């Protein structure tokens, strides 16, 4: 879980440097569950890519 002040410049730089986030990272940042993020992906609200048929999903 990310425990940081969202105004912290170091964290902003880290987020901007990452091209992709995992569904877990997105969920933690938005304060929702990973399942909610997966539902948003399924509904087309978030663009994501699967690494392989049974592997991790990366959110862009």
Protein backbone atom coordinates (compact mmCIF):
# COMPACT_ATOMS: atom_id res chain seq x y z
CA UNK A 1 0.00 0.00 0.00
CA UNK A 2 1.22 3.49 -0.81
CA UNK A 3 1.25 5.72 2.24
CA UNK A 4 2.32 9.16 1.09
CA UNK A 5 1.18 12.72 0.77
CA UNK A 6 -0.11 13.03 -2.80
CA UNK A 7 1.51 16.47 -2.98
CA UNK A 8 4.96 15.02 -2.32
CA UNK A 9 7.19 15.93 -5.30
CA UNK A 10 9.18 12.69 -5.06
CA UNK A 11 6.01 10.65 -5.46
CA UNK A 12 4.81 12.82 -8.34
CA UNK A 13 8.14 12.30 -10.10
CA UNK A 14 7.91 8.54 -9.53
CA UNK A 15 4.41 8.40 -10.99
CA UNK A 16 5.36 10.51 -14.00
CA UNK A 17 8.39 8.31 -14.68
CA UNK A 18 6.32 5.13 -14.80
CA UNK A 19 4.76 4.37 -18.15
CA UNK A 20 2.61 1.55 -16.79
CA UNK A 21 1.15 0.73 -13.39
CA UNK A 22 -0.18 -2.58 -12.14
CA UNK A 23 -3.87 -2.90 -11.34
CA UNK A 24 -2.91 -3.06 -7.66
CA UNK A 25 -0.92 0.18 -7.89
CA UNK A 26 -3.82 1.93 -9.64
CA UNK A 27 -6.26 0.65 -7.03
CA UNK A 28 -4.08 1.86 -4.16
CA UNK A 29 -3.62 5.29 -5.73
CA UNK A 30 -7.35 5.72 -6.34
CA UNK A 31 -8.51 4.17 -3.07
CA UNK A 32 -10.51 1.39 -4.71
CA UNK A 33 -10.12 -2.38 -4.92
CA UNK A 34 -8.16 -4.18 -7.62
CA UNK A 35 -11.44 -5.76 -8.74
CA UNK A 36 -12.90 -2.28 -9.34
CA UNK A 37 -9.91 -1.42 -11.53
CA UNK A 38 -10.34 -4.68 -13.46
CA UNK A 39 -14.05 -3.87 -13.93
CA UNK A 40 -13.15 -0.42 -15.27
CA UNK A 41 -10.72 -2.05 -17.71
CA UNK A 42 -13.40 -4.52 -18.83
CA UNK A 43 -15.87 -1.63 -19.30
CA UNK A 44 -13.32 0.31 -21.36
CA UNK A 45 -12.90 3.12 -18.81
CA UNK A 46 -9.17 2.45 -18.40
CA UNK A 47 -6.75 1.32 -21.11
CA UNK A 48 -4.69 -1.70 -20.10
CA UNK A 49 -2.51 -4.41 -21.60
CA UNK A 50 -2.16 -8.05 -20.58
CA UNK A 51 1.41 -9.33 -20.55
CA UNK A 52 0.32 -12.85 -21.48
CA UNK A 53 -2.98 -14.78 -21.49
CA UNK A 54 -2.73 -15.66 -17.80
CA UNK A 55 -0.38 -12.92 -16.63
CA UNK A 56 -0.36 -9.47 -15.16
CA UNK A 57 -2.41 -6.59 -16.49
CA UNK A 58 -0.61 -3.27 -16.90
CA UNK A 59 -2.51 0.01 -16.98
CA UNK A 60 -1.31 2.86 -19.16
